[in-house]
Amino acid sequence: MKNILIAVILMTSFACKAQSPIVPLDTYIHNTPEEGYIKDLDNELDKFVGTWKFTSGLTSLTIELQKLELFYNGKYYQDLLIGEYKYIENGIQIVNYLPLLDEDSGIIAQGHTINGRQIIPKDRYVSCDDCSDNERRLRLSFHDSERLYLSTSVVLRYLLDETNPEKMTATIYIGHGGMKPTEDSPEVLRVPFGEYTMVKQ
C-alpha cells in the first residue's frame, strides 16, 4: 500500500510540473519558461492531422501528420506535429518516409522528416497576400534524411473555404544556413520546392 501511495504522489507531482506554467502555441521559443508547457489551447493543430495528397498526372506528394502532446525536449514541454512524406514523380517513387511513422522512434519528434508547431503571420517566411490579418499558418521543419545539410521548411495553410473535401496548401522552401558537405552535394531536396494544394484523404 505504501508503494502505491508513493507512486501516486510521484505521478501527480510530475503531471503538475509538466503542465505548469502553460503558455499558448504561438509563444516565442525564447519566451518559454523552463519546464513550461507550450500547449495547443485552441486545438489549432488538429485540423492538420491526417493524410494529405497532392496529385498531378503521374506525380504525387503524400504527407501524413500526427499530433504529439506534452513532448519534452529537455527544457520544456510542447504540443507539436510530427510527420513523414512520400513523393512520386512521373510514376517513379523518389522517396518514401511514410513507414517511419509506425516505428517506435516516433516518440522522438526531431527524428521525423516533418516536425514543429510554429504559428506564423501572413507576412513572415513565405508571405501570403490573400491571407486575412488574423489567419494563422503553421511552419514545420521538412527534411530529407539524405540531405540533412539543407535548411528546409514547409508552411501549411488550411483552406477554410475548401471543406468538402478538406484542403490545405503546403509550401516547401529552403531557408538560410546549412553547409554542403562537398562541392558536388545537391542544393535542393528530392521533392521540388514550391506550393502544393493537398486534399485530405
Protein backbone atom coordinates (compact mmCIF):
# COMPACT_ATOMS: atom_id res chain seq x y z
CA MET A 1 0.00 0.00 0.00
CA LYS A 2 2.86 2.33 0.86
CA ASN A 3 4.44 1.75 -2.59
CA ILE A 4 1.14 2.57 -4.32
CA LEU A 5 0.82 5.82 -2.35
CA ILE A 6 4.40 6.84 -3.25
CA ALA A 7 3.76 6.06 -6.92
CA VAL A 8 0.57 8.16 -6.94
CA ILE A 9 2.36 11.10 -5.30
CA LEU A 10 5.25 10.93 -7.78
CA MET A 11 2.91 10.73 -10.80
CA THR A 12 0.85 13.65 -9.52
CA SER A 13 3.88 15.84 -8.90
CA PHE A 14 5.28 15.02 -12.36
CA ALA A 15 1.97 15.87 -14.02
CA CYS A 16 1.79 19.21 -12.19
CA LYS A 17 5.39 20.05 -13.03
CA ALA A 18 4.94 19.10 -16.68
CA GLN A 19 1.97 21.37 -17.16
CA SER A 20 3.00 24.49 -15.26
CA PRO A 21 3.19 27.19 -16.40
CA ILE A 22 1.06 26.68 -19.52
CA VAL A 23 1.62 29.10 -22.43
CA PRO A 24 -0.15 29.27 -25.83
CA LEU A 25 1.06 27.65 -29.04
CA ASP A 26 2.33 30.91 -30.56
CA THR A 27 4.74 31.58 -27.67
CA TYR A 28 8.17 32.52 -28.98
CA ILE A 29 10.71 29.84 -28.12
CA HIS A 30 12.94 32.24 -26.13
CA ASN A 31 9.94 33.36 -24.05
CA THR A 32 9.14 29.83 -22.93
CA PRO A 33 9.68 29.31 -19.20
CA GLU A 34 11.92 26.41 -18.24
CA GLU A 35 9.78 23.32 -17.61
CA GLY A 36 6.81 25.24 -19.07
CA TYR A 37 4.26 23.72 -21.40
CA ILE A 38 3.52 25.19 -24.85
CA LYS A 39 0.01 23.86 -25.23
CA ASP A 40 -2.32 23.79 -28.22
CA LEU A 41 -5.02 25.52 -26.17
CA ASP A 42 -7.39 26.05 -29.11
CA ASN A 43 -6.67 22.72 -30.85
CA GLU A 44 -5.21 24.55 -33.86
CA LEU A 45 -3.01 21.59 -34.79
CA ASP A 46 -5.91 19.15 -35.00
CA LYS A 47 -7.15 20.27 -38.42
CA PHE A 48 -3.79 19.34 -39.97
CA VAL A 49 -3.73 15.80 -38.54
CA GLY A 50 -4.27 13.06 -41.11
CA THR A 51 -3.15 12.07 -44.60
CA TRP A 52 -2.97 14.71 -47.33
CA LYS A 53 -2.29 14.18 -51.02
CA PHE A 54 -1.32 16.33 -54.00
CA THR A 55 -1.76 14.74 -57.44
CA SER A 56 -0.85 16.00 -60.89
CA GLY A 57 -0.90 13.27 -63.55
CA LEU A 58 1.61 10.61 -62.51
CA THR A 59 3.23 12.87 -59.90
CA SER A 60 2.06 12.92 -56.28
CA LEU A 61 3.11 14.10 -52.83
CA THR A 62 1.58 12.42 -49.77
CA ILE A 63 2.06 13.88 -46.29
CA GLU A 64 0.89 12.17 -43.12
CA LEU A 65 0.77 14.19 -39.89
CA GLN A 66 0.18 13.19 -36.28
CA LYS A 67 -0.20 15.33 -33.17
CA LEU A 68 2.22 14.74 -30.32
CA GLU A 69 1.15 16.17 -26.97
CA LEU A 70 3.27 17.02 -23.95
CA PHE A 71 6.55 16.27 -25.75
CA TYR A 72 9.54 17.13 -23.55
CA ASN A 73 12.64 18.40 -25.37
CA GLY A 74 14.86 18.61 -22.29
CA LYS A 75 13.91 22.23 -21.49
CA TYR A 76 10.14 22.50 -21.82
CA TYR A 77 7.05 20.57 -22.90
CA GLN A 78 5.12 21.23 -26.08
CA ASP A 79 2.36 20.06 -28.36
CA LEU A 80 3.52 19.70 -31.96
CA LEU A 81 3.02 17.89 -35.23
CA ILE A 82 5.23 15.10 -36.49
CA GLY A 83 5.01 13.51 -39.91
CA GLU A 84 6.50 11.80 -42.91
CA TYR A 85 6.04 12.01 -46.67
CA LYS A 86 6.18 10.12 -49.94
CA TYR A 87 6.97 11.67 -53.32
CA ILE A 88 6.32 10.02 -56.70
CA GLU A 89 7.42 11.72 -59.93
CA ASN A 90 6.18 10.54 -63.33
CA GLY A 91 5.13 7.22 -61.78
CA ILE A 92 8.54 6.59 -60.15
CA GLN A 93 8.84 6.63 -56.37
CA ILE A 94 11.59 9.10 -55.48
CA VAL A 95 11.34 8.99 -51.68
CA ASN A 96 9.06 7.29 -49.13
CA TYR A 97 9.39 8.03 -45.42
CA LEU A 98 5.77 7.15 -44.53
CA PRO A 99 6.68 3.80 -42.86
CA LEU A 100 8.78 5.72 -40.28
CA LEU A 101 5.61 6.92 -38.54
CA ASP A 102 4.94 3.35 -37.42
CA GLU A 103 8.36 2.87 -35.81
CA ASP A 104 8.95 3.10 -32.05
CA SER A 105 11.36 6.00 -32.68
CA GLY A 106 8.26 8.14 -33.30
CA ILE A 107 8.48 9.30 -29.70
CA ILE A 108 11.46 11.44 -30.71
CA ALA A 109 9.87 14.36 -32.52
CA GLN A 110 13.06 15.62 -34.16
CA GLY A 111 13.62 12.13 -35.60
CA HIS A 112 10.85 12.69 -38.15
CA THR A 113 11.27 14.32 -41.53
CA ILE A 114 8.42 16.72 -40.67
CA ASN A 115 8.08 18.25 -37.19
CA GLY A 116 7.24 21.50 -35.45
CA ARG A 117 4.50 23.84 -34.23
CA GLN A 118 5.46 27.40 -35.18
CA ILE A 119 2.50 29.72 -35.83
CA ILE A 120 3.36 32.40 -38.39
CA PRO A 121 1.66 35.64 -39.55
CA LYS A 122 0.82 36.43 -43.18
CA ASP A 123 3.97 38.48 -43.86
CA ARG A 124 6.56 36.07 -42.44
CA TYR A 125 8.66 33.34 -44.11
CA VAL A 126 6.54 32.58 -47.15
CA SER A 127 4.35 35.68 -47.37
CA CYS A 128 0.65 35.22 -48.03
CA ASP A 129 -1.02 38.13 -49.84
CA ASP A 130 -4.50 36.62 -49.75
CA CYS A 131 -4.36 35.59 -46.06
CA SER A 132 -6.54 37.58 -43.67
CA ASP A 133 -4.73 39.61 -41.00
CA ASN A 134 -5.66 37.16 -38.24
CA GLU A 135 -5.10 33.96 -40.25
CA ARG A 136 -2.67 31.57 -38.59
CA ARG A 137 -0.47 29.31 -40.67
CA LEU A 138 1.94 26.66 -39.46
CA ARG A 139 5.65 26.35 -40.18
CA LEU A 140 7.30 22.93 -39.76
CA SER A 141 10.75 21.55 -40.46
CA PHE A 142 10.81 19.47 -43.65
CA HIS A 143 13.86 17.25 -44.13
CA ASP A 144 15.30 14.69 -46.48
CA SER A 145 17.48 12.29 -44.47
CA GLU A 146 19.90 12.06 -47.42
CA ARG A 147 20.29 15.86 -47.46
CA LEU A 148 20.14 16.96 -43.83
CA TYR A 149 22.58 19.80 -44.53
CA LEU A 150 19.75 21.70 -46.27
CA SER A 151 17.73 24.07 -44.06
CA THR A 152 14.25 23.44 -45.42
CA SER A 153 10.73 24.02 -44.12
CA VAL A 154 7.09 23.67 -45.10
CA VAL A 155 4.35 26.21 -44.42
CA LEU A 156 0.87 24.74 -44.06
CA ARG A 157 -2.23 26.81 -44.72
CA TYR A 158 -5.61 25.24 -44.00
CA LEU A 159 -8.09 26.44 -46.63
CA LEU A 160 -11.20 27.44 -44.70
CA ASP A 161 -13.38 27.72 -47.83
CA GLU A 162 -12.45 24.21 -49.01
CA THR A 163 -14.28 21.84 -46.69
CA ASN A 164 -15.65 19.13 -48.99
CA PRO A 165 -13.09 17.68 -49.30
CA GLU A 166 -10.78 19.47 -46.85
CA LYS A 167 -7.75 21.10 -48.46
CA MET A 168 -4.55 22.82 -47.42
CA THR A 169 -1.56 24.29 -49.18
CA ALA A 170 1.93 23.04 -48.35
CA THR A 171 4.70 25.41 -49.44
CA ILE A 172 8.15 23.80 -49.31
CA TYR A 173 11.09 26.19 -49.36
CA ILE A 174 14.74 26.48 -48.42
CA GLY A 175 15.89 28.87 -45.71
CA HIS A 176 19.27 30.35 -44.93
CA GLY A 177 22.15 28.48 -43.41
CA GLY A 178 23.43 24.99 -43.92
CA MET A 179 26.69 23.91 -45.47
CA LYS A 180 27.16 21.45 -48.29
CA PRO A 181 29.45 18.57 -47.24
CA THR A 182 31.07 18.55 -50.70
CA GLU A 183 31.01 20.83 -53.74
CA ASP A 184 29.00 18.22 -55.66
CA SER A 185 26.31 17.86 -52.96
CA PRO A 186 22.78 18.65 -54.24
CA GLU A 187 21.37 22.06 -53.32
CA VAL A 188 17.72 21.01 -53.47
CA LEU A 189 15.51 18.37 -51.89
CA ARG A 190 14.29 15.39 -53.86
CA VAL A 191 10.81 16.93 -53.53
CA PRO A 192 10.71 20.11 -55.64
CA PHE A 193 10.30 23.41 -53.82
CA GLY A 194 7.01 25.20 -54.33
CA GLU A 195 3.35 25.23 -53.31
CA TYR A 196 1.21 22.09 -53.35
CA THR A 197 -2.58 22.09 -52.95
CA MET A 198 -3.32 18.99 -50.93
CA VAL A 199 -6.58 17.11 -50.36
CA LYS A 200 -7.32 15.32 -47.10
CA GLN A 201 -7.73 11.57 -47.65
